[in-house]
C-alpha cells in the first residue's frame, strides 16, 4: 500500500476500537500508562482533550475519554466497537431482539457510532465507517 492508497474498508463484524469513558480521565490515563505501559496522545474534543493510548511501538490501541460532552451518557466500561455495514439497521435489530439503545447513532471518528445493551445488559459499541 502506498500513501496514496485509500485505507482498507473495515470488515463488518470485526472489532475496530476499544475505549473507556470515565469521570477522571487524566487519572485513569496515568493509571493505564503505568499498569500496561501505554503512552498517551491528546485528542482535541474542543475545549478539552481525550486520550489516544499507544503501545510501545506507537500504534494506537485504545482510548481514555472524559464522561462529558458527547460522551456524557457512555457507561464507564471498557467498550469495544464492532464494525457494522448499516448502523441504523443494526440498532433496529438490537431493539427488536430485546436490546436497548444507550447512546443513539451519532457522528464519531469520521463515521457513525451507537452504544447498545443486549437483553442481558452487556454493553457494546457499534461503528459504521464512512
N, C-alpha and C. Protein backbone atom coordinates (compact mmCIF):
# COMPACT_ATOMS: atom_id res chain seq x y z
N UNK A 1 0.85 -1.17 0.00
CA UNK A 1 0.00 0.00 0.00
C UNK A 1 0.90 1.23 0.00
N UNK A 2 0.57 2.21 -0.81
CA UNK A 2 1.30 3.47 -0.82
C UNK A 2 0.52 4.52 -0.05
N UNK A 3 1.14 5.66 0.20
CA UNK A 3 0.46 6.70 0.96
C UNK A 3 -0.75 7.26 0.21
N UNK A 4 -0.84 7.01 -1.10
CA UNK A 4 -1.99 7.49 -1.88
C UNK A 4 -3.13 6.49 -1.93
N UNK A 5 -2.88 5.26 -1.48
CA UNK A 5 -3.93 4.24 -1.49
C UNK A 5 -4.93 4.54 -0.39
N UNK A 6 -6.22 4.32 -0.66
CA UNK A 6 -7.21 4.52 0.40
C UNK A 6 -7.04 3.45 1.48
N UNK A 7 -7.43 3.80 2.70
CA UNK A 7 -7.40 2.82 3.79
C UNK A 7 -8.36 1.69 3.45
N UNK A 8 -8.02 0.47 3.85
CA UNK A 8 -8.95 -0.64 3.57
C UNK A 8 -10.26 -0.44 4.30
N UNK A 9 -11.35 -0.84 3.65
CA UNK A 9 -12.68 -0.72 4.26
C UNK A 9 -12.79 -1.71 5.41
N UNK A 10 -13.27 -1.25 6.58
CA UNK A 10 -13.42 -2.17 7.71
C UNK A 10 -14.38 -3.31 7.39
N UNK A 11 -14.09 -4.47 7.91
CA UNK A 11 -14.92 -5.65 7.67
C UNK A 11 -16.00 -5.71 8.75
N UNK A 12 -17.30 -5.72 8.34
CA UNK A 12 -18.36 -5.83 9.34
C UNK A 12 -18.15 -7.06 10.22
N UNK A 13 -18.40 -6.88 11.51
CA UNK A 13 -18.25 -7.97 12.47
C UNK A 13 -16.90 -7.99 13.16
N UNK A 14 -15.95 -7.16 12.71
CA UNK A 14 -14.64 -7.12 13.36
C UNK A 14 -14.59 -5.99 14.38
N UNK A 15 -13.73 -6.15 15.37
CA UNK A 15 -13.55 -5.14 16.39
C UNK A 15 -12.65 -4.05 15.83
N UNK A 16 -13.13 -2.81 15.92
CA UNK A 16 -12.39 -1.71 15.35
C UNK A 16 -11.70 -0.82 16.38
N UNK A 17 -12.19 -0.77 17.60
CA UNK A 17 -11.62 0.14 18.58
C UNK A 17 -12.10 -0.24 19.97
N UNK A 18 -11.34 0.15 20.97
CA UNK A 18 -11.71 -0.06 22.37
C UNK A 18 -11.45 1.23 23.12
N UNK A 19 -12.39 1.65 23.95
CA UNK A 19 -12.12 2.79 24.81
C UNK A 19 -12.92 2.68 26.10
N UNK A 20 -12.58 3.57 27.01
CA UNK A 20 -13.26 3.65 28.30
C UNK A 20 -13.58 5.12 28.54
N UNK A 21 -14.76 5.38 29.09
CA UNK A 21 -15.21 6.74 29.37
C UNK A 21 -15.40 6.88 30.87
N UNK A 22 -14.70 7.86 31.45
CA UNK A 22 -14.63 7.97 32.91
C UNK A 22 -14.75 9.41 33.38
N UNK A 23 -15.10 9.59 34.64
CA UNK A 23 -15.19 10.93 35.22
C UNK A 23 -13.80 11.57 35.36
N UNK A 24 -12.78 10.81 35.75
CA UNK A 24 -11.44 11.35 35.97
C UNK A 24 -10.48 10.77 34.92
N UNK A 25 -10.67 11.19 33.68
CA UNK A 25 -9.87 10.64 32.57
C UNK A 25 -8.37 10.86 32.75
N UNK A 26 -7.88 12.03 33.19
CA UNK A 26 -6.43 12.17 33.36
C UNK A 26 -5.83 11.17 34.36
N UNK A 27 -6.53 10.95 35.45
CA UNK A 27 -6.05 9.97 36.44
C UNK A 27 -6.03 8.57 35.84
N UNK A 28 -7.08 8.21 35.12
CA UNK A 28 -7.15 6.87 34.53
C UNK A 28 -6.14 6.72 33.38
N UNK A 29 -5.91 7.81 32.62
CA UNK A 29 -4.87 7.80 31.59
C UNK A 29 -3.53 7.42 32.22
N UNK A 30 -3.20 8.06 33.33
CA UNK A 30 -1.93 7.79 34.01
C UNK A 30 -1.91 6.39 34.62
N UNK A 31 -3.05 5.95 35.15
CA UNK A 31 -3.15 4.61 35.72
C UNK A 31 -2.83 3.56 34.67
N UNK A 32 -3.51 3.64 33.51
CA UNK A 32 -3.29 2.63 32.47
C UNK A 32 -1.90 2.74 31.85
N UNK A 33 -1.37 3.95 31.76
CA UNK A 33 0.01 4.11 31.27
C UNK A 33 0.97 3.37 32.19
N UNK A 34 0.77 3.49 33.48
CA UNK A 34 1.63 2.83 34.45
C UNK A 34 1.44 1.32 34.47
N UNK A 35 0.19 0.88 34.44
CA UNK A 35 -0.12 -0.55 34.58
C UNK A 35 0.27 -1.35 33.33
N UNK A 36 -0.04 -0.83 32.14
CA UNK A 36 0.20 -1.62 30.92
C UNK A 36 1.28 -1.05 30.01
N UNK A 37 1.83 0.11 30.36
CA UNK A 37 2.93 0.66 29.58
C UNK A 37 2.53 1.48 28.37
N UNK A 38 1.27 1.91 28.32
CA UNK A 38 0.84 2.75 27.21
C UNK A 38 1.38 4.17 27.37
N UNK A 39 1.49 4.88 26.26
CA UNK A 39 1.72 6.32 26.30
C UNK A 39 0.47 6.99 25.76
N UNK A 40 0.27 8.25 26.14
CA UNK A 40 -0.95 8.96 25.77
C UNK A 40 -0.65 10.08 24.79
N UNK A 41 -1.57 10.25 23.85
CA UNK A 41 -1.55 11.39 22.94
C UNK A 41 -2.90 12.07 23.05
N UNK A 42 -2.90 13.38 23.27
CA UNK A 42 -4.15 14.11 23.40
C UNK A 42 -4.93 14.14 22.09
N UNK A 43 -6.24 14.08 22.21
CA UNK A 43 -7.15 14.17 21.08
C UNK A 43 -8.15 15.27 21.39
N UNK A 44 -8.11 16.35 20.63
CA UNK A 44 -8.96 17.50 20.93
C UNK A 44 -10.44 17.16 20.82
N UNK A 45 -11.16 17.55 21.86
CA UNK A 45 -12.61 17.41 21.88
C UNK A 45 -13.25 18.79 21.94
N UNK A 46 -12.50 19.80 21.49
CA UNK A 46 -12.99 21.19 21.54
C UNK A 46 -12.33 21.92 22.69
N UNK A 47 -13.02 21.94 23.84
CA UNK A 47 -12.47 22.66 24.98
C UNK A 47 -11.74 21.75 25.99
N UNK A 48 -11.52 20.50 25.64
CA UNK A 48 -10.75 19.57 26.47
C UNK A 48 -10.16 18.49 25.57
N UNK A 49 -9.33 17.61 26.15
CA UNK A 49 -8.73 16.53 25.38
C UNK A 49 -9.10 15.18 25.97
N UNK A 50 -9.44 14.24 25.09
CA UNK A 50 -9.46 12.82 25.45
C UNK A 50 -8.08 12.29 25.08
N UNK A 51 -7.87 11.00 25.25
CA UNK A 51 -6.52 10.46 25.06
C UNK A 51 -6.53 9.21 24.19
N UNK A 52 -5.67 9.20 23.19
CA UNK A 52 -5.40 8.01 22.40
C UNK A 52 -4.23 7.32 23.09
N UNK A 53 -4.43 6.10 23.52
CA UNK A 53 -3.38 5.37 24.21
C UNK A 53 -2.62 4.52 23.18
N UNK A 54 -1.29 4.57 23.28
CA UNK A 54 -0.45 3.91 22.28
C UNK A 54 0.43 2.84 22.91
N UNK A 55 0.63 1.76 22.16
CA UNK A 55 1.52 0.68 22.57
C UNK A 55 2.97 1.14 22.44
N UNK A 56 3.89 0.29 22.88
CA UNK A 56 5.32 0.62 22.85
C UNK A 56 5.81 0.96 21.45
N UNK A 57 5.20 0.37 20.41
CA UNK A 57 5.62 0.65 19.03
C UNK A 57 4.97 1.91 18.46
N UNK A 58 4.16 2.60 19.26
CA UNK A 58 3.50 3.83 18.82
C UNK A 58 2.15 3.61 18.17
N UNK A 59 1.72 2.37 18.04
CA UNK A 59 0.42 2.08 17.42
C UNK A 59 -0.72 2.44 18.38
N UNK A 60 -1.75 3.16 17.90
CA UNK A 60 -2.90 3.45 18.76
C UNK A 60 -3.66 2.16 19.07
N UNK A 61 -3.96 1.94 20.35
CA UNK A 61 -4.61 0.70 20.76
C UNK A 61 -5.92 0.89 21.53
N UNK A 62 -6.13 2.08 22.11
CA UNK A 62 -7.32 2.29 22.93
C UNK A 62 -7.50 3.77 23.19
N UNK A 63 -8.65 4.11 23.74
CA UNK A 63 -8.92 5.49 24.12
C UNK A 63 -9.32 5.58 25.57
N UNK A 64 -8.95 6.69 26.20
CA UNK A 64 -9.43 7.04 27.53
C UNK A 64 -10.14 8.38 27.36
N UNK A 65 -11.44 8.38 27.66
CA UNK A 65 -12.29 9.53 27.36
C UNK A 65 -12.91 10.11 28.63
N UNK A 66 -13.19 11.41 28.58
CA UNK A 66 -13.91 12.08 29.66
C UNK A 66 -15.40 11.78 29.52
N UNK A 67 -16.06 11.59 30.63
CA UNK A 67 -17.52 11.39 30.65
C UNK A 67 -18.20 12.75 30.64
N UNK A 68 -18.07 13.46 29.52
CA UNK A 68 -18.70 14.77 29.37
C UNK A 68 -18.90 15.03 27.89
N UNK A 69 -19.58 16.12 27.58
CA UNK A 69 -19.84 16.44 26.17
C UNK A 69 -20.59 15.30 25.50
N UNK A 70 -20.15 14.92 24.31
CA UNK A 70 -20.84 13.86 23.56
C UNK A 70 -20.73 12.51 24.24
N UNK A 71 -19.80 12.36 25.18
CA UNK A 71 -19.63 11.08 25.87
C UNK A 71 -20.27 11.03 27.26
N UNK A 72 -21.06 12.02 27.60
CA UNK A 72 -21.64 12.09 28.95
C UNK A 72 -22.47 10.87 29.31
N UNK A 73 -23.14 10.25 28.35
CA UNK A 73 -24.02 9.13 28.63
C UNK A 73 -23.39 7.76 28.37
N UNK A 74 -22.11 7.73 27.98
CA UNK A 74 -21.44 6.45 27.72
C UNK A 74 -21.08 5.83 29.07
N UNK A 75 -21.44 4.55 29.29
CA UNK A 75 -21.16 3.93 30.59
C UNK A 75 -19.66 3.73 30.82
N UNK A 76 -19.22 3.71 32.10
CA UNK A 76 -17.81 3.57 32.44
C UNK A 76 -17.35 2.11 32.40
N UNK A 77 -17.26 1.59 31.20
CA UNK A 77 -16.79 0.21 30.98
C UNK A 77 -15.79 0.23 29.83
N UNK A 78 -14.88 -0.77 29.78
CA UNK A 78 -14.06 -0.92 28.59
C UNK A 78 -15.01 -1.36 27.49
N UNK A 79 -15.18 -0.51 26.52
CA UNK A 79 -16.18 -0.68 25.48
C UNK A 79 -15.50 -1.02 24.15
N UNK A 80 -15.89 -2.14 23.56
CA UNK A 80 -15.39 -2.45 22.22
C UNK A 80 -16.41 -1.95 21.20
N UNK A 81 -15.90 -1.52 20.07
CA UNK A 81 -16.74 -1.07 18.96
C UNK A 81 -16.59 -2.07 17.82
N UNK A 82 -17.70 -2.62 17.40
CA UNK A 82 -17.72 -3.60 16.31
C UNK A 82 -18.19 -2.90 15.04
N UNK A 83 -17.46 -3.12 13.96
CA UNK A 83 -17.86 -2.55 12.67
C UNK A 83 -19.16 -3.20 12.20
N UNK A 84 -20.08 -2.38 11.71
CA UNK A 84 -21.32 -2.85 11.10
C UNK A 84 -21.48 -2.20 9.74
N UNK A 85 -22.20 -2.87 8.85
CA UNK A 85 -22.41 -2.35 7.50
C UNK A 85 -23.45 -1.23 7.48
N UNK A 86 -24.46 -1.32 8.34
CA UNK A 86 -25.56 -0.36 8.37
C UNK A 86 -25.93 -0.11 9.83
N UNK A 87 -25.47 1.00 10.37
CA UNK A 87 -25.65 1.29 11.79
C UNK A 87 -27.12 1.34 12.19
N UNK A 88 -27.93 2.07 11.44
CA UNK A 88 -29.35 2.19 11.82
C UNK A 88 -30.04 0.83 11.80
N UNK A 89 -29.75 0.00 10.80
CA UNK A 89 -30.35 -1.33 10.73
C UNK A 89 -29.90 -2.20 11.91
N UNK A 90 -28.63 -2.09 12.30
CA UNK A 90 -28.13 -2.87 13.44
C UNK A 90 -28.80 -2.42 14.74
N UNK A 91 -28.98 -1.12 14.90
CA UNK A 91 -29.65 -0.60 16.09
C UNK A 91 -31.10 -1.08 16.13
N UNK A 92 -31.77 -1.04 14.99
CA UNK A 92 -33.16 -1.53 14.93
C UNK A 92 -33.23 -3.01 15.28
N UNK A 93 -32.30 -3.81 14.76
CA UNK A 93 -32.30 -5.25 15.07
C UNK A 93 -32.01 -5.49 16.55
N UNK A 94 -31.14 -4.67 17.14
CA UNK A 94 -30.85 -4.81 18.57
C UNK A 94 -32.12 -4.57 19.39
N UNK A 95 -32.85 -3.51 19.06
CA UNK A 95 -34.09 -3.21 19.79
C UNK A 95 -35.13 -4.30 19.56
N UNK A 96 -35.26 -4.78 18.33
CA UNK A 96 -36.24 -5.83 18.03
C UNK A 96 -35.91 -7.12 18.77
N UNK A 97 -34.61 -7.33 19.06
CA UNK A 97 -34.19 -8.54 19.76
C UNK A 97 -34.19 -8.39 21.28
N UNK A 98 -34.72 -7.28 21.79
CA UNK A 98 -34.82 -7.09 23.23
C UNK A 98 -33.71 -6.24 23.83
N UNK A 99 -32.84 -5.69 22.98
CA UNK A 99 -31.77 -4.82 23.47
C UNK A 99 -32.26 -3.39 23.65
N UNK A 100 -31.37 -2.56 24.21
CA UNK A 100 -31.68 -1.14 24.43
C UNK A 100 -30.59 -0.29 23.79
N UNK A 101 -30.96 0.90 23.38
CA UNK A 101 -30.01 1.87 22.86
C UNK A 101 -29.59 2.78 24.01
N UNK A 102 -28.30 2.79 24.34
CA UNK A 102 -27.79 3.65 25.41
C UNK A 102 -27.30 4.98 24.87
N UNK A 103 -26.70 4.95 23.69
CA UNK A 103 -26.27 6.18 23.00
C UNK A 103 -26.78 6.06 21.57
N UNK A 104 -27.67 6.96 21.18
CA UNK A 104 -28.28 6.94 19.85
C UNK A 104 -27.20 7.17 18.78
N UNK A 105 -27.45 6.68 17.57
CA UNK A 105 -26.47 6.89 16.49
C UNK A 105 -26.10 8.36 16.33
N UNK A 106 -24.78 8.58 16.19
CA UNK A 106 -24.25 9.93 16.00
C UNK A 106 -22.91 9.85 15.30
N UNK A 107 -22.45 10.97 14.80
CA UNK A 107 -21.16 11.03 14.15
C UNK A 107 -20.03 10.84 15.13
N UNK A 108 -18.96 10.16 14.68
CA UNK A 108 -17.77 9.95 15.51
C UNK A 108 -16.64 9.42 14.64
N UNK A 109 -15.47 10.02 14.77
CA UNK A 109 -14.28 9.49 14.11
C UNK A 109 -14.39 9.32 12.61
N UNK A 110 -15.10 10.20 11.95
CA UNK A 110 -15.23 10.08 10.51
C UNK A 110 -16.29 9.10 10.07
N UNK A 111 -17.05 8.55 11.00
CA UNK A 111 -18.14 7.63 10.69
C UNK A 111 -19.30 7.90 11.62
N UNK A 112 -20.01 6.83 11.99
CA UNK A 112 -21.13 6.95 12.93
C UNK A 112 -21.04 5.83 13.94
N UNK A 113 -21.49 6.13 15.17
CA UNK A 113 -21.45 5.13 16.22
C UNK A 113 -22.73 5.15 17.03
N UNK A 114 -22.94 4.08 17.78
CA UNK A 114 -24.02 3.97 18.75
C UNK A 114 -23.55 3.01 19.83
N UNK A 115 -24.20 3.06 20.98
CA UNK A 115 -23.91 2.12 22.05
C UNK A 115 -25.21 1.44 22.42
N UNK A 116 -25.17 0.12 22.46
CA UNK A 116 -26.35 -0.67 22.80
C UNK A 116 -26.07 -1.54 24.03
N UNK A 117 -27.13 -2.05 24.61
CA UNK A 117 -27.04 -3.09 25.64
C UNK A 117 -27.87 -4.25 25.13
N UNK A 118 -27.33 -5.45 25.25
CA UNK A 118 -28.08 -6.64 24.83
C UNK A 118 -29.14 -6.96 25.89
N UNK A 119 -30.00 -7.97 25.66
CA UNK A 119 -31.06 -8.28 26.63
C UNK A 119 -30.54 -8.62 28.03
N UNK A 120 -29.27 -9.07 28.14
CA UNK A 120 -28.70 -9.39 29.46
C UNK A 120 -28.06 -8.16 30.11
N UNK A 121 -27.99 -7.03 29.36
CA UNK A 121 -27.41 -5.81 29.90
C UNK A 121 -25.96 -5.56 29.50
N UNK A 122 -25.37 -6.47 28.72
CA UNK A 122 -23.99 -6.30 28.28
C UNK A 122 -23.92 -5.16 27.26
N UNK A 123 -22.94 -4.29 27.43
CA UNK A 123 -22.82 -3.08 26.61
C UNK A 123 -21.86 -3.33 25.44
N UNK A 124 -22.23 -2.79 24.27
CA UNK A 124 -21.42 -2.95 23.06
C UNK A 124 -21.53 -1.69 22.22
N UNK A 125 -20.41 -1.25 21.67
CA UNK A 125 -20.41 -0.13 20.72
C UNK A 125 -20.52 -0.66 19.31
N UNK A 126 -21.25 0.06 18.47
CA UNK A 126 -21.38 -0.27 17.05
C UNK A 126 -20.81 0.91 16.28
N UNK A 127 -20.09 0.61 15.18
CA UNK A 127 -19.46 1.67 14.41
C UNK A 127 -19.60 1.38 12.92
N UNK A 128 -20.08 2.38 12.17
CA UNK A 128 -20.14 2.30 10.72
C UNK A 128 -19.18 3.34 10.15
N UNK A 129 -18.17 2.86 9.44
CA UNK A 129 -17.21 3.77 8.81
C UNK A 129 -17.90 4.51 7.67
N UNK A 130 -17.40 5.71 7.38
CA UNK A 130 -18.00 6.46 6.28
C UNK A 130 -17.37 6.05 4.96
